[in-house]
């Protein structure tokens, strides 16, 4: 098969579309003929040599895909060859084929094309596991999403709206804020010219935010804690603003606040399977009912992965960037 390989850590130019050995599904796995994958910031970090795959995972980039099952590993009885699926991966999506544990498969929603379904697994599983399964976001609560125009952000807005939460977002351009508003965000904050702590304090009459979904990490930690309400929860899912910062434990104690950091890639298989099951049960009906849709900002052939990485790094795209192995259906 063909896949994107990294000749050495570096800029997008190190990504090459070339022949590699095809994977073989092990016990409890299936082999997928990949129709499409999506580009995530974790892929950029891995390309740069800063985010190695977990032990045993493919060293090929790609944390999600959609496609058709080509073969079954030993013991797999819940799926059949020819099934159309989308999958959460620990790696291997930038390829024509990938082997994946059967528990990380999800169906393709009836209202979404096979290619576009590749935009769903990573964002849906990240959002649901953080906002609902861990933070307990509920109807009427305030949610602040940093990076509202990202793939994660656009999914989080839609899920929070379906839950009945009140939604604020930060983004760096009027165009991205407008897109967030169209998806259901109530409060639009341009982080280049506004202080989100002050804006949220005014909007909540000084009460603060119940849940914050943060992609910045260290750079926003102190202000995020300041923005939280009593019993507020801060979910850190990205480190674009650095990995180290001091924590004011006194401020956390006064608010009875919770700060946690979560990633999907390195979780045990059973945890990832449980998340995928919850996502398919909870989010897929909203997609089929028209309440949620994948937001896709660009589609490129997989052989153009380097251009896709440049596009994500530019910050110009709202939503997900897809890489496809074939023409759209």
C-alpha atoms as a PDB file:
ATOM      1  CA  UNK A   1       0.000   0.000   0.000  1.00  0.00           C
ATOM      2  CA  UNK A   2       0.946   3.658  -0.058  1.00  0.00           C
ATOM      3  CA  UNK A   3       1.231   5.862   2.987  1.00  0.00           C
ATOM      4  CA  UNK A   4       2.680   9.145   4.186  1.00  0.00           C
ATOM      5  CA  UNK A   5       6.026   8.545   5.881  1.00  0.00           C
ATOM      6  CA  UNK A   6       8.332  10.929   7.718  1.00  0.00           C
ATOM      7  CA  UNK A   7      11.905  10.854   6.439  1.00  0.00           C
ATOM      8  CA  UNK A   8      13.099  12.763   9.513  1.00  0.00           C
ATOM      9  CA  UNK A   9      11.502  15.178  11.983  1.00  0.00           C
ATOM     10  CA  UNK A  10      11.029  18.628  10.500  1.00  0.00           C
ATOM     11  CA  UNK A  11       8.875  20.912   8.383  1.00  0.00           C
ATOM     12  CA  UNK A  12       6.005  19.659   6.179  1.00  0.00           C
ATOM     13  CA  UNK A  13       8.486  18.865   3.399  1.00  0.00           C
ATOM     14  CA  UNK A  14       9.555  15.717   5.300  1.00  0.00           C
ATOM     15  CA  UNK A  15       6.176  14.074   4.552  1.00  0.00           C
ATOM     16  CA  UNK A  16       6.413  11.659   1.604  1.00  0.00           C
ATOM     17  CA  UNK A  17       3.713   9.562  -0.122  1.00  0.00           C
ATOM     18  CA  UNK A  18       5.402   6.234  -0.795  1.00  0.00           C
ATOM     19  CA  UNK A  19       5.091   2.436  -0.779  1.00  0.00           C
ATOM     20  CA  UNK A  20       5.126   0.664   2.597  1.00  0.00           C
ATOM     21  CA  UNK A  21       4.179  -2.777   3.883  1.00  0.00           C
ATOM     22  CA  UNK A  22       0.434  -3.199   4.391  1.00  0.00           C
ATOM     23  CA  UNK A  23      -0.737  -3.923   7.961  1.00  0.00           C
ATOM     24  CA  UNK A  24      -2.276  -7.224   9.009  1.00  0.00           C
ATOM     25  CA  UNK A  25      -5.173  -7.196  11.477  1.00  0.00           C
ATOM     26  CA  UNK A  26      -4.380  -8.943  14.746  1.00  0.00           C
ATOM     27  CA  UNK A  27      -6.800 -10.648  17.084  1.00  0.00           C
ATOM     28  CA  UNK A  28      -9.690  -8.325  17.867  1.00  0.00           C
ATOM     29  CA  UNK A  29      -8.801  -5.962  15.011  1.00  0.00           C
ATOM     30  CA  UNK A  30     -10.136  -5.170  11.563  1.00  0.00           C
ATOM     31  CA  UNK A  31      -8.358  -3.941   8.441  1.00  0.00           C
ATOM     32  CA  UNK A  32      -9.867  -0.827   6.855  1.00  0.00           C
ATOM     33  CA  UNK A  33      -9.501   0.373   3.283  1.00  0.00           C
ATOM     34  CA  UNK A  34      -9.143   4.065   4.098  1.00  0.00           C
ATOM     35  CA  UNK A  35     -11.347   6.508   2.199  1.00  0.00           C
ATOM     36  CA  UNK A  36     -10.248   9.573   4.159  1.00  0.00           C
ATOM     37  CA  UNK A  37      -8.421  10.728   7.252  1.00  0.00           C
ATOM     38  CA  UNK A  38      -8.217  14.127   8.954  1.00  0.00           C
ATOM     39  CA  UNK A  39      -5.352  16.352  10.059  1.00  0.00           C
ATOM     40  CA  UNK A  40      -4.966  17.072  13.779  1.00  0.00           C
ATOM     41  CA  UNK A  41      -2.500  19.254  15.655  1.00  0.00           C
ATOM     42  CA  UNK A  42      -1.069  16.113  17.215  1.00  0.00           C
ATOM     43  CA  UNK A  43       0.050  15.157  13.691  1.00  0.00           C
ATOM     44  CA  UNK A  44       2.050  18.367  13.444  1.00  0.00           C
ATOM     45  CA  UNK A  45       3.765  17.609  16.756  1.00  0.00           C
ATOM     46  CA  UNK A  46       4.576  14.045  15.702  1.00  0.00           C
ATOM     47  CA  UNK A  47       5.986  15.284  12.386  1.00  0.00           C
ATOM     48  CA  UNK A  48       8.269  17.603  14.337  1.00  0.00           C
ATOM     49  CA  UNK A  49       9.469  14.747  16.559  1.00  0.00           C
ATOM     50  CA  UNK A  50       7.651  15.995  19.661  1.00  0.00           C
ATOM     51  CA  UNK A  51       4.806  13.475  20.033  1.00  0.00           C
ATOM     52  CA  UNK A  52       5.821   9.838  19.515  1.00  0.00           C
ATOM     53  CA  UNK A  53       3.089   7.214  19.105  1.00  0.00           C
ATOM     54  CA  UNK A  54       2.191   5.019  22.087  1.00  0.00           C
ATOM     55  CA  UNK A  55       4.016   1.670  22.380  1.00  0.00           C
ATOM     56  CA  UNK A  56       2.752  -0.747  19.759  1.00  0.00           C
ATOM     57  CA  UNK A  57       0.961   1.885  17.670  1.00  0.00           C
ATOM     58  CA  UNK A  58       1.749   2.596  14.023  1.00  0.00           C
ATOM     59  CA  UNK A  59       4.369   5.292  13.465  1.00  0.00           C
ATOM     60  CA  UNK A  60       2.350   6.539  10.479  1.00  0.00           C
ATOM     61  CA  UNK A  61       0.452   9.753  11.210  1.00  0.00           C
ATOM     62  CA  UNK A  62      -3.320   9.878  11.478  1.00  0.00           C
ATOM     63  CA  UNK A  63      -5.628   9.627  14.513  1.00  0.00           C
ATOM     64  CA  UNK A  64      -8.914   8.949  12.704  1.00  0.00           C
ATOM     65  CA  UNK A  65     -10.265   7.640   9.433  1.00  0.00           C
ATOM     66  CA  UNK A  66     -13.295   6.462   7.529  1.00  0.00           C
ATOM     67  CA  UNK A  67     -13.503   3.619   5.073  1.00  0.00           C
ATOM     68  CA  UNK A  68     -14.637   0.068   4.372  1.00  0.00           C
ATOM     69  CA  UNK A  69     -13.674  -3.067   6.257  1.00  0.00           C
ATOM     70  CA  UNK A  70     -11.369  -5.201   4.098  1.00  0.00           C
ATOM     71  CA  UNK A  71     -10.556  -8.049   6.503  1.00  0.00           C
ATOM     72  CA  UNK A  72     -11.314  -9.293  10.015  1.00  0.00           C
ATOM     73  CA  UNK A  73      -8.811 -10.388  12.621  1.00  0.00           C
ATOM     74  CA  UNK A  74      -9.287 -13.456  14.769  1.00  0.00           C
ATOM     75  CA  UNK A  75     -12.269 -13.316  17.106  1.00  0.00           C
ATOM     76  CA  UNK A  76     -14.082 -10.427  15.419  1.00  0.00           C
ATOM     77  CA  UNK A  77     -17.752 -11.313  14.959  1.00  0.00           C
ATOM     78  CA  UNK A  78     -19.496  -7.955  15.438  1.00  0.00           C
ATOM     79  CA  UNK A  79     -18.407  -6.567  12.057  1.00  0.00           C
ATOM     80  CA  UNK A  80     -18.327  -7.842   8.484  1.00  0.00           C
ATOM     81  CA  UNK A  81     -16.146  -7.312   5.442  1.00  0.00           C
ATOM     82  CA  UNK A  82     -17.651  -4.470   3.410  1.00  0.00           C
ATOM     83  CA  UNK A  83     -19.051  -2.544   6.403  1.00  0.00           C
ATOM     84  CA  UNK A  84     -18.668   1.228   6.106  1.00  0.00           C
ATOM     85  CA  UNK A  85     -17.101   2.550   9.293  1.00  0.00           C
ATOM     86  CA  UNK A  86     -15.279   5.425  10.891  1.00  0.00           C
ATOM     87  CA  UNK A  87     -12.567   4.818  13.466  1.00  0.00           C
ATOM     88  CA  UNK A  88     -10.571   6.376  16.290  1.00  0.00           C
ATOM     89  CA  UNK A  89      -6.892   5.505  15.813  1.00  0.00           C
ATOM     90  CA  UNK A  90      -3.673   5.626  17.811  1.00  0.00           C
ATOM     91  CA  UNK A  91      -1.904   6.125  14.468  1.00  0.00           C
ATOM     92  CA  UNK A  92      -1.857   4.908  10.893  1.00  0.00           C
ATOM     93  CA  UNK A  93      -4.577   6.987   9.241  1.00  0.00           C
ATOM     94  CA  UNK A  94      -2.387   8.620   6.578  1.00  0.00           C
ATOM     95  CA  UNK A  95      -2.396   5.422   4.523  1.00  0.00           C
ATOM     96  CA  UNK A  96      -4.451   3.352   2.119  1.00  0.00           C
ATOM     97  CA  UNK A  97      -5.071   0.726   4.810  1.00  0.00           C
ATOM     98  CA  UNK A  98      -5.006   0.663   8.607  1.00  0.00           C
ATOM     99  CA  UNK A  99      -5.565  -1.993  11.282  1.00  0.00           C
ATOM    100  CA  UNK A 100      -7.671  -0.894  14.258  1.00  0.00           C
ATOM    101  CA  UNK A 101      -9.171  -2.556  17.369  1.00  0.00           C
ATOM    102  CA  UNK A 102     -12.816  -3.359  16.704  1.00  0.00           C
ATOM    103  CA  UNK A 103     -13.927  -1.416  19.785  1.00  0.00           C
ATOM    104  CA  UNK A 104     -12.724   1.818  18.203  1.00  0.00           C
ATOM    105  CA  UNK A 105     -15.014   1.490  15.205  1.00  0.00           C
ATOM    106  CA  UNK A 106     -18.198   3.495  14.838  1.00  0.00           C
ATOM    107  CA  UNK A 107     -20.817   3.414  12.127  1.00  0.00           C
ATOM    108  CA  UNK A 108     -21.051   6.127   9.495  1.00  0.00           C
ATOM    109  CA  UNK A 109     -24.025   8.379  10.341  1.00  0.00           C
ATOM    110  CA  UNK A 110     -26.764   8.087   7.728  1.00  0.00           C
ATOM    111  CA  UNK A 111     -26.623  11.798   6.847  1.00  0.00           C
ATOM    112  CA  UNK A 112     -22.817  11.942   6.391  1.00  0.00           C
ATOM    113  CA  UNK A 113     -20.812  10.763   3.377  1.00  0.00           C
ATOM    114  CA  UNK A 114     -18.115   8.142   3.810  1.00  0.00           C
ATOM    115  CA  UNK A 115     -15.371  10.719   3.187  1.00  0.00           C
ATOM    116  CA  UNK A 116     -16.807  13.360   5.503  1.00  0.00           C
ATOM    117  CA  UNK A 117     -17.215  10.803   8.309  1.00  0.00           C
ATOM    118  CA  UNK A 118     -13.420  10.937   8.721  1.00  0.00           C
ATOM    119  CA  UNK A 119     -13.900  14.363  10.319  1.00  0.00           C
ATOM    120  CA  UNK A 120     -15.885  12.926  13.245  1.00  0.00           C
ATOM    121  CA  UNK A 121     -14.014  10.419  15.471  1.00  0.00           C
ATOM    122  CA  UNK A 122     -11.297  12.529  17.103  1.00  0.00           C
ATOM    123  CA  UNK A 123     -13.416  15.628  17.682  1.00  0.00           C
ATOM    124  CA  UNK A 124     -16.565  13.782  18.766  1.00  0.00           C
ATOM    125  CA  UNK A 125     -14.696  11.502  21.165  1.00  0.00           C
ATOM    126  CA  UNK A 126     -12.600  14.350  22.575  1.00  0.00           C
ATOM    127  CA  UNK A 127     -15.594  16.613  23.113  1.00  0.00           C
ATOM    128  CA  UNK A 128     -17.927  14.001  24.575  1.00  0.00           C
ATOM    129  CA  UNK A 129     -15.333  12.428  26.879  1.00  0.00           C
ATOM    130  CA  UNK A 130     -14.247  15.809  28.243  1.00  0.00           C
ATOM    131  CA  UNK A 131     -17.398  17.890  28.354  1.00  0.00           C
ATOM    132  CA  UNK A 132     -19.901  15.197  29.306  1.00  0.00           C
ATOM    133  CA  UNK A 133     -18.222  12.086  30.672  1.00  0.00           C
ATOM    134  CA  UNK A 134     -15.708  14.026  32.809  1.00  0.00           C
ATOM    135  CA  UNK A 135     -16.836  17.650  33.265  1.00  0.00           C
ATOM    136  CA  UNK A 136     -20.560  16.902  33.420  1.00  0.00           C
ATOM    137  CA  UNK A 137     -21.648  19.873  31.321  1.00  0.00           C
ATOM    138  CA  UNK A 138     -25.390  20.313  31.773  1.00  0.00           C
ATOM    139  CA  UNK A 139     -28.303  22.371  30.508  1.00  0.00           C
ATOM    140  CA  UNK A 140     -28.084  26.051  31.405  1.00  0.00           C
ATOM    141  CA  UNK A 141     -24.408  25.981  32.382  1.00  0.00           C
ATOM    142  CA  UNK A 142     -21.846  28.302  30.785  1.00  0.00           C
ATOM    143  CA  UNK A 143     -19.161  26.727  28.603  1.00  0.00           C
ATOM    144  CA  UNK A 144     -16.126  28.675  27.335  1.00  0.00           C
ATOM    145  CA  UNK A 145     -14.366  27.123  24.345  1.00  0.00           C
ATOM    146  CA  UNK A 146     -10.914  28.353  23.393  1.00  0.00           C
ATOM    147  CA  UNK A 147     -10.212  27.976  19.688  1.00  0.00           C
ATOM    148  CA  UNK A 148     -13.872  27.929  18.744  1.00  0.00           C
ATOM    149  CA  UNK A 149     -13.131  27.793  15.012  1.00  0.00           C
ATOM    150  CA  UNK A 150     -11.054  24.601  15.231  1.00  0.00           C
ATOM    151  CA  UNK A 151     -12.312  21.109  14.528  1.00  0.00           C
ATOM    152  CA  UNK A 152     -12.694  20.497  18.264  1.00  0.00           C
ATOM    153  CA  UNK A 153     -14.270  23.896  18.782  1.00  0.00           C
ATOM    154  CA  UNK A 154     -16.872  23.574  16.051  1.00  0.00           C
ATOM    155  CA  UNK A 155     -17.930  20.163  17.386  1.00  0.00           C
ATOM    156  CA  UNK A 156     -17.963  21.382  21.003  1.00  0.00           C
ATOM    157  CA  UNK A 157     -20.267  24.278  20.098  1.00  0.00           C
ATOM    158  CA  UNK A 158     -22.775  21.945  18.479  1.00  0.00           C
ATOM    159  CA  UNK A 159     -22.701  19.348  21.261  1.00  0.00           C
ATOM    160  CA  UNK A 160     -23.072  22.022  23.939  1.00  0.00           C
ATOM    161  CA  UNK A 161     -25.989  23.567  22.060  1.00  0.00           C
ATOM    162  CA  UNK A 162     -27.697  20.162  21.844  1.00  0.00           C
ATOM    163  CA  UNK A 163     -27.192  19.784  25.612  1.00  0.00           C
ATOM    164  CA  UNK A 164     -28.798  23.171  26.238  1.00  0.00           C
ATOM    165  CA  UNK A 165     -25.670  24.861  27.600  1.00  0.00           C
ATOM    166  CA  UNK A 166     -24.787  28.532  27.106  1.00  0.00           C
ATOM    167  CA  UNK A 167     -21.724  28.895  24.901  1.00  0.00           C
ATOM    168  CA  UNK A 168     -18.880  31.403  24.700  1.00  0.00           C
ATOM    169  CA  UNK A 169     -15.923  31.044  22.351  1.00  0.00           C
ATOM    170  CA  UNK A 170     -12.597  32.696  21.696  1.00  0.00           C
ATOM    171  CA  UNK A 171     -11.124  33.004  18.223  1.00  0.00           C
ATOM    172  CA  UNK A 172      -8.687  35.307  16.465  1.00  0.00           C
ATOM    173  CA  UNK A 173     -10.686  36.593  13.501  1.00  0.00           C
ATOM    174  CA  UNK A 174     -14.090  38.008  12.712  1.00  0.00           C
ATOM    175  CA  UNK A 175     -14.639  35.257  10.140  1.00  0.00           C
ATOM    176  CA  UNK A 176     -14.071  32.465  12.642  1.00  0.00           C
ATOM    177  CA  UNK A 177     -16.230  34.162  15.251  1.00  0.00           C
ATOM    178  CA  UNK A 178     -19.016  34.555  12.710  1.00  0.00           C
ATOM    179  CA  UNK A 179     -18.807  30.833  11.920  1.00  0.00           C
ATOM    180  CA  UNK A 180     -18.975  30.021  15.637  1.00  0.00           C
ATOM    181  CA  UNK A 181     -22.028  32.200  16.017  1.00  0.00           C
ATOM    182  CA  UNK A 182     -23.741  30.437  13.135  1.00  0.00           C
ATOM    183  CA  UNK A 183     -23.164  27.111  14.897  1.00  0.00           C
ATOM    184  CA  UNK A 184     -24.777  28.325  18.118  1.00  0.00           C
ATOM    185  CA  UNK A 185     -22.192  30.217  20.178  1.00  0.00           C
ATOM    186  CA  UNK A 186     -23.841  33.018  22.143  1.00  0.00           C
ATOM    187  CA  UNK A 187     -20.818  35.058  23.182  1.00  0.00           C
ATOM    188  CA  UNK A 188     -18.038  35.706  20.657  1.00  0.00           C
ATOM    189  CA  UNK A 189     -14.667  36.868  22.034  1.00  0.00           C
ATOM    190  CA  UNK A 190     -11.803  38.021  19.818  1.00  0.00           C
ATOM    191  CA  UNK A 191      -8.784  37.048  21.929  1.00  0.00           C
ATOM    192  CA  UNK A 192      -6.576  39.509  20.019  1.00  0.00           C
ATOM    193  CA  UNK A 193      -8.436  42.537  21.359  1.00  0.00           C
ATOM    194  CA  UNK A 194     -10.539  41.311  24.306  1.00  0.00           C
ATOM    195  CA  UNK A 195      -9.806  39.765  27.698  1.00  0.00           C
ATOM    196  CA  UNK A 196     -11.958  36.664  28.036  1.00  0.00           C
ATOM    197  CA  UNK A 197     -11.837  36.849  31.857  1.00  0.00           C
ATOM    198  CA  UNK A 198     -13.386  40.317  31.846  1.00  0.00           C
ATOM    199  CA  UNK A 199     -15.923  39.443  29.154  1.00  0.00           C
ATOM    200  CA  UNK A 200     -17.102  36.309  30.968  1.00  0.00           C
ATOM    201  CA  UNK A 201     -17.290  38.088  34.329  1.00  0.00           C
ATOM    202  CA  UNK A 202     -19.548  40.719  32.794  1.00  0.00           C
ATOM    203  CA  UNK A 203     -21.705  38.177  30.942  1.00  0.00           C
ATOM    204  CA  UNK A 204     -22.245  36.076  34.076  1.00  0.00           C
ATOM    205  CA  UNK A 205     -22.669  38.995  36.508  1.00  0.00           C
ATOM    206  CA  UNK A 206     -19.410  38.005  38.190  1.00  0.00           C
ATOM    207  CA  UNK A 207     -20.353  34.368  38.693  1.00  0.00           C
ATOM    208  CA  UNK A 208     -17.903  32.868  36.192  1.00  0.00           C
ATOM    209  CA  UNK A 209     -17.857  29.923  33.817  1.00  0.00           C
ATOM    210  CA  UNK A 210     -18.934  26.403  34.732  1.00  0.00           C
ATOM    211  CA  UNK A 211     -16.714  24.570  32.208  1.00  0.00           C
ATOM    212  CA  UNK A 212     -13.759  25.686  30.082  1.00  0.00           C
ATOM    213  CA  UNK A 213     -12.441  23.614  27.169  1.00  0.00           C
ATOM    214  CA  UNK A 214      -8.855  24.765  26.705  1.00  0.00           C
ATOM    215  CA  UNK A 215      -6.354  24.101  23.922  1.00  0.00           C
ATOM    216  CA  UNK A 216      -3.666  26.503  25.168  1.00  0.00           C
ATOM    217  CA  UNK A 217      -2.348  24.980  28.380  1.00  0.00           C
ATOM    218  CA  UNK A 218       0.235  26.970  30.303  1.00  0.00           C
ATOM    219  CA  UNK A 219      -0.337  30.372  28.687  1.00  0.00           C
ATOM    220  CA  UNK A 220      -3.997  30.470  29.757  1.00  0.00           C
ATOM    221  CA  UNK A 221      -3.883  28.537  33.029  1.00  0.00           C
ATOM    222  CA  UNK A 222      -3.974  31.446  35.478  1.00  0.00           C
ATOM    223  CA  UNK A 223      -6.649  33.345  33.565  1.00  0.00           C
ATOM    224  CA  UNK A 224      -8.721  30.217  33.043  1.00  0.00           C
ATOM    225  CA  UNK A 225      -8.818  29.596  36.783  1.00  0.00           C
ATOM    226  CA  UNK A 226      -9.776  33.253  37.313  1.00  0.00           C
ATOM    227  CA  UNK A 227     -12.645  32.838  34.854  1.00  0.00           C
ATOM    228  CA  UNK A 228     -14.123  29.758  36.549  1.00  0.00           C
ATOM    229  CA  UNK A 229     -17.244  29.837  38.686  1.00  0.00           C
ATOM    230  CA  UNK A 230     -17.465  28.108  42.055  1.00  0.00           C
ATOM    231  CA  UNK A 231     -17.285  24.346  41.364  1.00  0.00           C
ATOM    232  CA  UNK A 232     -15.986  25.159  37.885  1.00  0.00           C
ATOM    233  CA  UNK A 233     -14.117  22.620  35.769  1.00  0.00           C
ATOM    234  CA  UNK A 234     -11.181  23.341  33.459  1.00  0.00           C
ATOM    235  CA  UNK A 235     -10.516  20.718  30.782  1.00  0.00           C
ATOM    236  CA  UNK A 236      -7.072  21.057  29.198  1.00  0.00           C
ATOM    237  CA  UNK A 237      -6.873  19.187  25.886  1.00  0.00           C
ATOM    238  CA  UNK A 238      -4.008  21.027  24.163  1.00  0.00           C
ATOM    239  CA  UNK A 239      -0.711  22.716  24.940  1.00  0.00           C
ATOM    240  CA  UNK A 240      -0.368  25.289  22.172  1.00  0.00           C
ATOM    241  CA  UNK A 241       0.597  27.877  24.799  1.00  0.00           C
ATOM    242  CA  UNK A 242       3.227  25.797  26.589  1.00  0.00           C
ATOM    243  CA  UNK A 243       3.517  22.955  29.076  1.00  0.00           C
ATOM    244  CA  UNK A 244       4.620  24.570  32.362  1.00  0.00           C
ATOM    245  CA  UNK A 245       2.916  27.173  34.548  1.00  0.00           C
ATOM    246  CA  UNK A 246       2.437  27.943  38.228  1.00  0.00           C
ATOM    247  CA  UNK A 247      -0.934  27.047  39.735  1.00  0.00           C
ATOM    248  CA  UNK A 248      -2.546  29.261  42.357  1.00  0.00           C
ATOM    249  CA  UNK A 249      -3.908  26.547  44.625  1.00  0.00           C
ATOM    250  CA  UNK A 250      -5.503  29.162  46.852  1.00  0.00           C
ATOM    251  CA  UNK A 251      -7.643  30.389  43.971  1.00  0.00           C
ATOM    252  CA  UNK A 252      -8.639  26.817  43.196  1.00  0.00           C
ATOM    253  CA  UNK A 253      -9.548  26.104  46.809  1.00  0.00           C
ATOM    254  CA  UNK A 254     -11.678  29.236  47.081  1.00  0.00           C
ATOM    255  CA  UNK A 255     -13.661  28.127  44.029  1.00  0.00           C
ATOM    256  CA  UNK A 256     -13.622  24.384  44.734  1.00  0.00           C
ATOM    257  CA  UNK A 257     -12.314  24.162  41.176  1.00  0.00           C
ATOM    258  CA  UNK A 258     -11.157  21.138  39.209  1.00  0.00           C
ATOM    259  CA  UNK A 259      -8.382  21.225  36.604  1.00  0.00           C
ATOM    260  CA  UNK A 260      -7.680  18.154  34.541  1.00  0.00           C
ATOM    261  CA  UNK A 261      -5.805  17.253  31.381  1.00  0.00           C
ATOM    262  CA  UNK A 262      -6.967  14.504  29.039  1.00  0.00           C
ATOM    263  CA  UNK A 263      -5.827  12.972  25.772  1.00  0.00           C
ATOM    264  CA  UNK A 264      -7.323  10.090  23.801  1.00  0.00           C
ATOM    265  CA  UNK A 265      -4.348   8.549  22.077  1.00  0.00           C
ATOM    266  CA  UNK A 266      -2.664   6.856  25.001  1.00  0.00           C
ATOM    267  CA  UNK A 267      -5.737   5.654  26.866  1.00  0.00           C
ATOM    268  CA  UNK A 268      -6.264   1.912  27.404  1.00  0.00           C
ATOM    269  CA  UNK A 269      -8.221   0.149  24.656  1.00  0.00           C
ATOM    270  CA  UNK A 270     -11.168  -0.490  26.960  1.00  0.00           C
ATOM    271  CA  UNK A 271     -11.494   3.218  27.777  1.00  0.00           C
ATOM    272  CA  UNK A 272     -11.381   4.212  24.112  1.00  0.00           C
ATOM    273  CA  UNK A 273     -13.942   1.558  23.241  1.00  0.00           C
ATOM    274  CA  UNK A 274     -16.266   2.854  25.980  1.00  0.00           C
ATOM    275  CA  UNK A 275     -15.931   6.415  24.680  1.00  0.00           C
ATOM    276  CA  UNK A 276     -16.645   5.339  21.086  1.00  0.00           C
ATOM    277  CA  UNK A 277     -19.740   3.468  22.248  1.00  0.00           C
ATOM    278  CA  UNK A 278     -21.024   6.509  24.160  1.00  0.00           C
ATOM    279  CA  UNK A 279     -20.339   8.808  21.203  1.00  0.00           C
ATOM    280  CA  UNK A 280     -22.206   6.597  18.754  1.00  0.00           C
ATOM    281  CA  UNK A 281     -25.140   6.270  21.141  1.00  0.00           C
ATOM    282  CA  UNK A 282     -25.310   9.959  22.036  1.00  0.00           C
ATOM    283  CA  UNK A 283     -23.947  12.149  19.224  1.00  0.00           C
ATOM    284  CA  UNK A 284     -24.826  10.087  16.141  1.00  0.00           C
ATOM    285  CA  UNK A 285     -28.623  10.486  16.672  1.00  0.00           C
ATOM    286  CA  UNK A 286     -28.106  14.258  16.831  1.00  0.00           C
ATOM    287  CA  UNK A 287     -26.185  14.080  13.551  1.00  0.00           C
ATOM    288  CA  UNK A 288     -28.873  11.958  11.918  1.00  0.00           C
ATOM    289  CA  UNK A 289     -31.469  14.423  13.230  1.00  0.00           C
ATOM    290  CA  UNK A 290     -29.714  17.442  11.731  1.00  0.00           C
ATOM    291  CA  UNK A 291     -28.623  19.026  15.034  1.00  0.00           C
ATOM    292  CA  UNK A 292     -24.896  18.394  14.464  1.00  0.00           C
ATOM    293  CA  UNK A 293     -22.778  18.174  11.302  1.00  0.00           C
ATOM    294  CA  UNK A 294     -19.053  17.872  10.685  1.00  0.00           C
ATOM    295  CA  UNK A 295     -17.505  21.223   9.791  1.00  0.00           C
ATOM    296  CA  UNK A 296     -14.960  20.711   7.025  1.00  0.00           C
ATOM    297  CA  UNK A 297     -12.786  23.600   5.920  1.00  0.00           C
ATOM    298  CA  UNK A 298     -10.677  21.884   3.267  1.00  0.00           C
ATOM    299  CA  UNK A 299     -10.250  18.590   1.401  1.00  0.00           C
ATOM    300  CA  UNK A 300      -6.966  17.512  -0.202  1.00  0.00           C
ATOM    301  CA  UNK A 301      -5.609  14.289  -1.699  1.00  0.00           C
ATOM    302  CA  UNK A 302      -3.612  12.334   0.861  1.00  0.00           C
ATOM    303  CA  UNK A 303      -0.527  12.707  -1.295  1.00  0.00           C
ATOM    304  CA  UNK A 304      -0.745  16.450  -0.527  1.00  0.00           C
ATOM    305  CA  UNK A 305      -0.387  15.956   3.229  1.00  0.00           C
ATOM    306  CA  UNK A 306       2.415  18.516   3.381  1.00  0.00           C
ATOM    307  CA  UNK A 307       0.097  21.212   2.019  1.00  0.00           C
ATOM    308  CA  UNK A 308      -2.567  20.166   4.522  1.00  0.00           C
ATOM    309  CA  UNK A 309      -0.101  20.587   7.389  1.00  0.00           C
ATOM    310  CA  UNK A 310       0.845  24.040   6.138  1.00  0.00           C
ATOM    311  CA  UNK A 311      -2.829  24.938   5.948  1.00  0.00           C
ATOM    312  CA  UNK A 312      -3.494  23.847   9.529  1.00  0.00           C
ATOM    313  CA  UNK A 313      -0.406  25.697  10.756  1.00  0.00           C
ATOM    314  CA  UNK A 314      -1.596  28.874   9.024  1.00  0.00           C
ATOM    315  CA  UNK A 315      -4.715  29.013  11.177  1.00  0.00           C
ATOM    316  CA  UNK A 316      -6.762  29.995   8.136  1.00  0.00           C
ATOM    317  CA  UNK A 317      -9.192  27.080   8.164  1.00  0.00           C
ATOM    318  CA  UNK A 318     -12.400  26.802  10.177  1.00  0.00           C
ATOM    319  CA  UNK A 319     -13.216  23.196  11.076  1.00  0.00           C
ATOM    320  CA  UNK A 320     -11.425  20.070   9.886  1.00  0.00           C
ATOM    321  CA  UNK A 321      -8.990  19.389   7.048  1.00  0.00           C
ATOM    322  CA  UNK A 322      -9.550  16.061   5.279  1.00  0.00           C
ATOM    323  CA  UNK A 323      -7.069  13.945   3.340  1.00  0.00           C
ATOM    324  CA  UNK A 324      -8.686  11.539   0.887  1.00  0.00           C
ATOM    325  CA  UNK A 325      -7.382   8.455  -0.913  1.00  0.00           C
ATOM    326  CA  UNK A 326     -10.056   8.542  -3.617  1.00  0.00           C
ATOM    327  CA  UNK A 327     -12.524  10.869  -5.303  1.00  0.00           C
ATOM    328  CA  UNK A 328     -15.670  11.802  -3.317  1.00  0.00           C
ATOM    329  CA  UNK A 329     -18.645   9.530  -3.682  1.00  0.00           C
END
